[in-house]
C-alpha atoms as a PDB file:
ATOM      1  CA  MET A   1      11.243  -1.517 -13.766  1.00  0.00           C
ATOM      2  CA  SER A   2       8.684  -0.156 -15.723  1.00  0.00           C
ATOM      3  CA  LEU A   3       4.532   0.600 -14.699  1.00  0.00           C
ATOM      4  CA  SER A   4       2.155   1.963 -16.903  1.00  0.00           C
ATOM      5  CA  PRO A   5       0.870   5.517 -16.437  1.00  0.00           C
ATOM      6  CA  SER A   6      -2.407   4.211 -14.709  1.00  0.00           C
ATOM      7  CA  ASP A   7      -0.212   1.630 -12.695  1.00  0.00           C
ATOM      8  CA  ALA A   8       2.546   4.754 -11.451  1.00  0.00           C
ATOM      9  CA  LYS A   9      -0.231   6.902 -10.240  1.00  0.00           C
ATOM     10  CA  LEU A  10      -1.948   3.557  -8.722  1.00  0.00           C
ATOM     11  CA  PHE A  11       1.236   3.781  -6.791  1.00  0.00           C
ATOM     12  CA  ARG A  12       2.241   7.273  -6.297  1.00  0.00           C
ATOM     13  CA  GLU A  13      -1.641   7.362  -4.492  1.00  0.00           C
ATOM     14  CA  ARG A  14      -0.857   3.909  -2.492  1.00  0.00           C
ATOM     15  CA  LEU A  15       2.158   5.514  -1.301  1.00  0.00           C
ATOM     16  CA  ALA A  16       1.418   8.715   0.196  1.00  0.00           C
ATOM     17  CA  LEU A  17      -1.339   7.195   1.663  1.00  0.00           C
ATOM     18  CA  LEU A  18       0.732   4.450   3.989  1.00  0.00           C
ATOM     19  CA  ARG A  19       2.730   7.138   4.364  1.00  0.00           C
ATOM     20  CA  LYS A  20       0.384   9.216   5.862  1.00  0.00           C
ATOM     21  CA  ALA A  21      -0.964   6.281   8.163  1.00  0.00           C
ATOM     22  CA  LYS A  22       2.187   5.484   9.506  1.00  0.00           C
ATOM     23  CA  GLY A  23       2.367   9.512  10.152  1.00  0.00           C
ATOM     24  CA  ILE A  24       5.546   9.943   8.254  1.00  0.00           C
ATOM     25  CA  ASN A  25       6.193  13.145   5.990  1.00  0.00           C
ATOM     26  CA  GLN A  26       7.791  13.021   2.998  1.00  0.00           C
ATOM     27  CA  ASP A  27      10.925  14.784   4.085  1.00  0.00           C
ATOM     28  CA  LYS A  28      10.927  12.175   6.800  1.00  0.00           C
ATOM     29  CA  LEU A  29      10.756   9.459   4.472  1.00  0.00           C
ATOM     30  CA  SER A  30      13.059  11.287   2.010  1.00  0.00           C
ATOM     31  CA  GLU A  31      15.505  11.730   4.810  1.00  0.00           C
ATOM     32  CA  LYS A  32      15.719   8.110   6.021  1.00  0.00           C
ATOM     33  CA  LEU A  33      16.136   6.675   2.364  1.00  0.00           C
ATOM     34  CA  GLY A  34      19.438   8.858   2.073  1.00  0.00           C
ATOM     35  CA  LYS A  35      17.827  11.175  -0.737  1.00  0.00           C
ATOM     36  CA  ALA A  36      17.260  14.870  -1.219  1.00  0.00           C
ATOM     37  CA  PRO A  37      14.389  16.611   0.765  1.00  0.00           C
ATOM     38  CA  ASN A  38      11.662  16.318  -2.158  1.00  0.00           C
ATOM     39  CA  TYR A  39      13.032  12.922  -3.032  1.00  0.00           C
ATOM     40  CA  ILE A  40       9.500  11.732  -2.185  1.00  0.00           C
ATOM     41  CA  MET A  41       7.262  14.522  -2.901  1.00  0.00           C
ATOM     42  CA  ARG A  42       8.919  14.547  -6.696  1.00  0.00           C
ATOM     43  CA  VAL A  43       7.810  10.582  -6.463  1.00  0.00           C
ATOM     44  CA  GLU A  44       4.049  10.830  -5.311  1.00  0.00           C
ATOM     45  CA  THR A  45       3.585  14.073  -7.466  1.00  0.00           C
ATOM     46  CA  GLY A  46       4.913  11.873 -10.776  1.00  0.00           C
ATOM     47  CA  ARG A  47       7.817  14.294 -11.808  1.00  0.00           C
ATOM     48  CA  ILE A  48       9.971  10.648 -10.773  1.00  0.00           C
ATOM     49  CA  LYS A  49       7.599   8.095 -12.360  1.00  0.00           C
ATOM     50  CA  THR A  50       8.855   5.109 -11.032  1.00  0.00           C
ATOM     51  CA  PRO A  51      11.892   4.587  -8.675  1.00  0.00           C
ATOM     52  CA  PRO A  52      14.064   2.681  -8.810  1.00  0.00           C
ATOM     53  CA  LEU A  53      13.434  -1.199  -7.547  1.00  0.00           C
ATOM     54  CA  ASP A  54      16.385  -1.080  -5.001  1.00  0.00           C
ATOM     55  CA  THR A  55      14.501   2.475  -3.278  1.00  0.00           C
ATOM     56  CA  ILE A  56      11.222   1.180  -3.684  1.00  0.00           C
ATOM     57  CA  ALA A  57      12.209  -1.879  -1.722  1.00  0.00           C
ATOM     58  CA  GLU A  58      13.564   0.623   1.156  1.00  0.00           C
ATOM     59  CA  ILE A  59      10.786   2.390   1.413  1.00  0.00           C
ATOM     60  CA  GLY A  60       8.477  -0.810   2.361  1.00  0.00           C
ATOM     61  CA  LYS A  61      11.479  -1.764   5.136  1.00  0.00           C
ATOM     62  CA  HIS A  62      11.044   2.325   6.471  1.00  0.00           C
ATOM     63  CA  LEU A  63       7.105   1.959   6.247  1.00  0.00           C
ATOM     64  CA  ASP A  64       7.287  -2.220   7.178  1.00  0.00           C
ATOM     65  CA  MET A  65       5.839  -3.883   4.904  1.00  0.00           C
ATOM     66  CA  SER A  66       6.854  -5.559   1.773  1.00  0.00           C
ATOM     67  CA  VAL A  67       6.999  -4.567  -1.787  1.00  0.00           C
ATOM     68  CA  SER A  68       4.129  -6.296  -2.855  1.00  0.00           C
ATOM     69  CA  ASP A  69       2.056  -4.490  -0.255  1.00  0.00           C
ATOM     70  CA  LEU A  70       2.983  -1.082  -1.679  1.00  0.00           C
ATOM     71  CA  PHE A  71       1.703  -2.390  -5.373  1.00  0.00           C
ATOM     72  CA  PHE A  72      -2.005  -3.895  -3.727  1.00  0.00           C
ATOM     73  CA  PHE A  73      -4.060  -1.782  -5.247  1.00  0.00           C
ATOM     74  CA  GLN A  74      -7.427  -4.348  -5.175  1.00  0.00           C
ATOM     75  CA  GLY A  75     -10.303  -2.072  -3.651  1.00  0.00           C
ATOM     76  CA  ASN A  76      -8.675   0.945  -3.359  1.00  0.00           C
ATOM     77  CA  ASP A  77     -11.615   2.743  -5.357  1.00  0.00           C
ATOM     78  CA  ASP A  78     -13.951   0.246  -3.992  1.00  0.00           C
ATOM     79  CA  SER A  79     -16.813   2.213  -2.079  1.00  0.00           C
ATOM     80  CA  PRO A  80     -17.490   1.157   1.526  1.00  0.00           C
ATOM     81  CA  GLU A  81     -20.481  -0.918   0.096  1.00  0.00           C
ATOM     82  CA  GLU A  82     -18.833  -2.440  -2.451  1.00  0.00           C
ATOM     83  CA  LEU A  83     -16.214  -3.700  -0.099  1.00  0.00           C
ATOM     84  CA  ARG A  84     -18.425  -5.456   2.706  1.00  0.00           C
ATOM     85  CA  ALA A  85     -20.224  -6.879  -0.603  1.00  0.00           C
ATOM     86  CA  LYS A  86     -16.839  -8.659  -1.646  1.00  0.00           C
ATOM     87  CA  ILE A  87     -16.089  -9.434   2.389  1.00  0.00           C
ATOM     88  CA  GLN A  88     -19.554 -10.962   2.671  1.00  0.00           C
ATOM     89  CA  ARG A  89     -19.187 -12.629  -0.580  1.00  0.00           C
ATOM     90  CA  LEU A  90     -15.789 -14.391   0.248  1.00  0.00           C
ATOM     91  CA  THR A  91     -16.977 -15.730   4.069  1.00  0.00           C
ATOM     92  CA  GLU A  92     -20.301 -17.141   2.447  1.00  0.00           C
ATOM     93  CA  THR A  93     -18.547 -20.344   2.217  1.00  0.00           C
ATOM     94  CA  ASP A  94     -19.190 -23.593   4.532  1.00  0.00           C
ATOM     95  CA  ASP A  95     -15.399 -24.161   4.286  1.00  0.00           C
ATOM     96  CA  LEU A  96     -14.356 -23.764   8.546  1.00  0.00           C
ATOM     97  CA  LYS A  97     -10.378 -23.682   7.155  1.00  0.00           C
ATOM     98  CA  LYS A  98     -11.400 -20.948   4.995  1.00  0.00           C
ATOM     99  CA  LEU A  99     -13.489 -18.837   7.438  1.00  0.00           C
ATOM    100  CA  ARG A 100     -11.059 -19.392  10.310  1.00  0.00           C
ATOM    101  CA  LYS A 101      -8.365 -18.555   8.048  1.00  0.00           C
ATOM    102  CA  TYR A 102     -10.331 -15.312   7.445  1.00  0.00           C
ATOM    103  CA  TYR A 103     -11.051 -14.589  11.140  1.00  0.00           C
ATOM    104  CA  ARG A 104      -7.705 -15.081  12.058  1.00  0.00           C
ATOM    105  CA  LEU A 105      -6.900 -11.992   9.495  1.00  0.00           C
ATOM    106  CA  LEU A 106      -9.642  -9.550  10.648  1.00  0.00           C
ATOM    107  CA  LEU A 107      -8.495 -10.237  13.690  1.00  0.00           C
ATOM    108  CA  VAL A 108      -4.621  -9.397  13.139  1.00  0.00           C
ATOM    109  CA  ALA A 109      -6.511  -6.877  10.615  1.00  0.00           C
ATOM    110  CA  THR A 110      -8.163  -5.529  13.683  1.00  0.00           C
ATOM    111  CA  GLU A 111      -5.479  -4.837  16.049  1.00  0.00           C
ATOM    112  CA  GLU A 112      -4.008  -1.872  17.450  1.00  0.00           C
END
């Protein structure tokens, strides 16, 4: 698997963000993967450009998410105002089925 340099950078940033959000440090995730203690640090700093796909899948498993979630970059660089505007554009519809779906997704996303 080969990513463009910009996509590889986004992946590394997303990995660090998601890992920290789960409260898992780099060494702990490396350990869960059966890798050397500094493996995730080397991935996040770019010393390992892109881990093998099976390792990416294992990372996703240990972060409780799919591989595609690890690569979902849309909106990561947006400001709060930009994100609110995008959300508002999505909800400016009279399609009740879509509105219900958005509502359910928001409820699930805000569960603790």
